[in-house]
Amino acid sequence: MGDIYRLGIISDTHLLELSTATELAAQLLGGPFDKVDAILHAGDMIIADLESCFDGIPVYSVQGNMDPARPNLPLRRIVKVQGYQIGLIHGWGPSSAAPQNVLTEFETDNLDLLVFGHTHTPFHAYVGRTLLFNPGSAMDHRGNADSCSVGLVEIDQTICAKHIPFEIRPYS
């Protein structure tokens, strides 16, 4: 493999206004998502225009339980990056059940990484060879999360995922 491929991971933004989406994207690109090659959004975007706020960086997203139905927004998807299979889904159920719920949805897909949202709570654990990763919520933390958060995944000869605390600053 060559250079490190970086994925910004976000979920549960629950945005209602384009101005908030624009500001969120600007702060992410100027901070934790600086130099990312693509962005994965694990659902509950609410405002579809968020996808266009990332300055041409590819955004792969899925529909969350709060998103309005859109014909081009799948409930689940697989993205291939650097030879790795990455599953993306919003998820459902309580925090304790969500990891197993999403894993079951992709049980025949031989994933390397499975990104999900819904719980607003960061999660990072291996189940067999698959890394399950929930970035938490960039806008509304819950459960045992001390703050809002996003994720950064770096892919080279391995997959390395980490949570990054994130609080949107007041608009400039």
Protein backbone atom coordinates (compact mmCIF):
# COMPACT_ATOMS: atom_id res chain seq x y z
CA MET A 1 0.00 0.00 0.00
CA GLY A 2 1.25 3.56 -0.34
CA ASP A 3 0.34 6.73 1.42
CA ILE A 4 -1.90 6.78 4.46
CA TYR A 5 -5.56 7.22 3.50
CA ARG A 6 -7.53 9.29 6.02
CA LEU A 7 -11.27 9.08 6.63
CA GLY A 8 -13.19 11.61 8.70
CA ILE A 9 -15.99 9.80 10.54
CA ILE A 10 -19.09 11.65 11.70
CA SER A 11 -22.60 10.76 12.79
CA ASP A 12 -25.74 12.11 14.40
CA THR A 13 -25.28 15.76 13.48
CA HIS A 14 -29.05 16.44 13.48
CA LEU A 15 -28.62 19.68 11.52
CA LEU A 16 -31.63 21.80 10.61
CA GLU A 17 -30.02 24.83 8.94
CA LEU A 18 -27.53 25.19 6.11
CA SER A 19 -25.63 27.88 8.03
CA THR A 20 -24.96 25.41 10.86
CA ALA A 21 -23.93 22.71 8.39
CA THR A 22 -21.52 25.11 6.67
CA GLU A 23 -19.98 26.15 9.97
CA LEU A 24 -19.67 22.55 11.18
CA ALA A 25 -17.93 21.50 7.96
CA ALA A 26 -15.56 24.48 8.09
CA GLN A 27 -14.57 23.74 11.69
CA LEU A 28 -14.06 20.05 10.97
CA LEU A 29 -11.95 20.74 7.86
CA GLY A 30 -9.91 23.30 9.80
CA GLY A 31 -9.39 20.86 12.65
CA PRO A 32 -9.79 17.10 13.00
CA PHE A 33 -10.66 16.53 9.32
CA ASP A 34 -7.71 18.51 7.97
CA LYS A 35 -6.13 16.43 5.17
CA VAL A 36 -8.85 13.73 5.05
CA ASP A 37 -9.34 11.96 1.73
CA ALA A 38 -13.04 11.19 2.29
CA ILE A 39 -15.76 11.50 4.93
CA LEU A 40 -18.18 8.83 6.16
CA HIS A 41 -21.41 10.05 7.76
CA ALA A 42 -23.28 7.32 9.64
CA GLY A 43 -26.70 8.93 9.44
CA ASP A 44 -29.01 11.44 11.09
CA MET A 45 -27.67 14.29 9.01
CA ILE A 46 -31.21 15.69 8.67
CA ILE A 47 -30.11 18.41 6.23
CA ALA A 48 -28.80 16.75 3.06
CA ASP A 49 -26.87 19.88 2.12
CA LEU A 50 -24.20 18.96 4.67
CA GLU A 51 -22.69 16.65 2.05
CA SER A 52 -21.97 19.64 -0.21
CA CYS A 53 -20.25 21.67 2.53
CA PHE A 54 -16.97 19.71 2.54
CA ASP A 55 -15.18 21.52 -0.32
CA GLY A 56 -15.36 18.69 -2.84
CA ILE A 57 -14.13 15.96 -0.50
CA PRO A 58 -16.11 12.77 -1.21
CA VAL A 59 -18.81 12.15 1.41
CA TYR A 60 -20.33 8.69 1.78
CA SER A 61 -23.44 8.66 3.92
CA VAL A 62 -26.38 6.51 4.93
CA GLN A 63 -29.90 7.22 6.10
CA GLY A 64 -30.52 7.45 9.82
CA ASN A 65 -33.82 7.06 11.61
CA MET A 66 -34.28 10.85 11.73
CA ASP A 67 -33.34 11.54 8.09
CA PRO A 68 -36.05 12.24 5.54
CA ALA A 69 -36.16 9.53 2.89
CA ARG A 70 -34.01 10.28 -0.16
CA PRO A 71 -33.78 7.92 -3.13
CA ASN A 72 -29.97 8.23 -3.31
CA LEU A 73 -29.38 7.73 0.42
CA PRO A 74 -29.09 4.00 1.26
CA LEU A 75 -29.76 2.44 4.64
CA ARG A 76 -26.43 0.61 4.45
CA ARG A 77 -23.46 0.61 2.13
CA ILE A 78 -20.00 -0.82 1.65
CA VAL A 79 -17.12 1.45 0.69
CA LYS A 80 -13.84 -0.06 -0.53
CA VAL A 81 -10.69 1.83 0.47
CA GLN A 82 -7.09 0.68 -0.09
CA GLY A 83 -8.30 -2.92 -0.47
CA TYR A 84 -10.32 -2.84 2.78
CA GLN A 85 -14.08 -3.32 3.01
CA ILE A 86 -15.83 -0.72 5.16
CA GLY A 87 -19.47 -1.10 6.11
CA LEU A 88 -21.51 2.01 6.90
CA ILE A 89 -24.90 1.97 8.61
CA HIS A 90 -26.78 4.14 11.09
CA GLY A 91 -27.86 1.45 13.52
CA TRP A 92 -30.78 0.99 15.89
CA GLY A 93 -31.60 -0.04 19.42
CA PRO A 94 -30.06 0.84 22.76
CA SER A 95 -26.31 1.38 23.12
CA SER A 96 -25.85 -2.09 24.57
CA ALA A 97 -27.49 -3.80 21.56
CA ALA A 98 -26.42 -1.53 18.68
CA PRO A 99 -23.01 -3.15 17.99
CA GLN A 100 -24.53 -6.62 17.59
CA ASN A 101 -27.45 -5.23 15.60
CA VAL A 102 -25.19 -3.61 13.00
CA LEU A 103 -22.80 -6.55 12.88
CA THR A 104 -25.71 -8.88 12.09
CA GLU A 105 -26.72 -6.63 9.18
CA PHE A 106 -23.33 -7.23 7.51
CA GLU A 107 -22.67 -10.81 8.69
CA THR A 108 -21.95 -12.17 5.20
CA ASP A 109 -19.91 -9.22 3.90
CA ASN A 110 -16.44 -9.96 5.33
CA LEU A 111 -15.83 -6.40 6.57
CA ASP A 112 -12.61 -4.98 7.92
CA LEU A 113 -14.29 -1.95 9.51
CA LEU A 114 -17.92 -1.30 10.38
CA VAL A 115 -18.89 2.31 11.07
CA PHE A 116 -22.22 3.03 12.76
CA GLY A 117 -23.99 5.78 14.69
CA HIS A 118 -27.39 6.15 16.39
CA THR A 119 -26.30 5.88 20.03
CA HIS A 120 -24.41 9.23 20.17
CA THR A 121 -21.83 7.32 22.22
CA PRO A 122 -18.28 6.54 21.04
CA PHE A 123 -17.53 2.86 20.55
CA HIS A 124 -14.35 1.05 19.43
CA ALA A 125 -14.03 -2.74 19.62
CA TYR A 126 -13.01 -5.71 17.53
CA VAL A 127 -15.41 -8.55 16.93
CA GLY A 128 -13.30 -11.22 15.31
CA ARG A 129 -11.33 -9.45 12.59
CA THR A 130 -13.86 -6.62 12.16
CA LEU A 131 -13.35 -3.28 13.90
CA LEU A 132 -16.67 -1.77 14.99
CA PHE A 133 -16.46 2.00 15.32
CA ASN A 134 -19.02 4.61 16.36
CA PRO A 135 -17.65 8.17 16.36
CA GLY A 136 -20.24 9.41 18.84
CA SER A 137 -22.12 12.58 17.93
CA ALA A 138 -20.49 15.78 16.75
CA MET A 139 -23.40 17.84 18.08
CA ASP A 140 -25.20 16.00 20.91
CA HIS A 141 -23.33 13.60 23.19
CA ARG A 142 -25.25 11.15 25.35
CA GLY A 143 -24.76 8.20 27.65
CA ASN A 144 -21.28 7.85 29.08
CA ALA A 145 -19.73 10.27 26.54
CA ASP A 146 -18.00 13.19 28.25
CA SER A 147 -18.17 15.37 25.15
CA CYS A 148 -19.22 15.44 21.55
CA SER A 149 -16.83 13.61 19.26
CA VAL A 150 -15.91 12.62 15.73
CA GLY A 151 -13.60 9.92 14.43
CA LEU A 152 -10.48 9.70 12.33
CA VAL A 153 -9.52 6.49 10.56
CA GLU A 154 -6.08 6.09 9.04
CA ILE A 155 -5.56 3.25 6.59
CA ASP A 156 -2.17 2.00 5.48
CA GLN A 157 -1.17 -1.62 6.06
CA THR A 158 -3.60 -1.62 8.99
CA ILE A 159 -6.68 0.29 10.04
CA CYS A 160 -6.25 2.68 12.96
CA ALA A 161 -9.34 4.43 14.32
CA LYS A 162 -9.55 7.01 17.07
CA HIS A 163 -12.12 9.28 18.67
CA ILE A 164 -11.50 13.01 18.74
CA PRO A 165 -13.39 15.25 21.18
CA PHE A 166 -15.13 18.00 19.24
CA GLU A 167 -17.23 20.95 20.27
CA ILE A 168 -18.47 23.31 17.58
CA ARG A 169 -17.39 26.85 18.37
CA PRO A 170 -19.84 29.74 18.12
CA TYR A 171 -20.17 31.00 14.57
CA SER A 172 -17.59 33.49 13.43
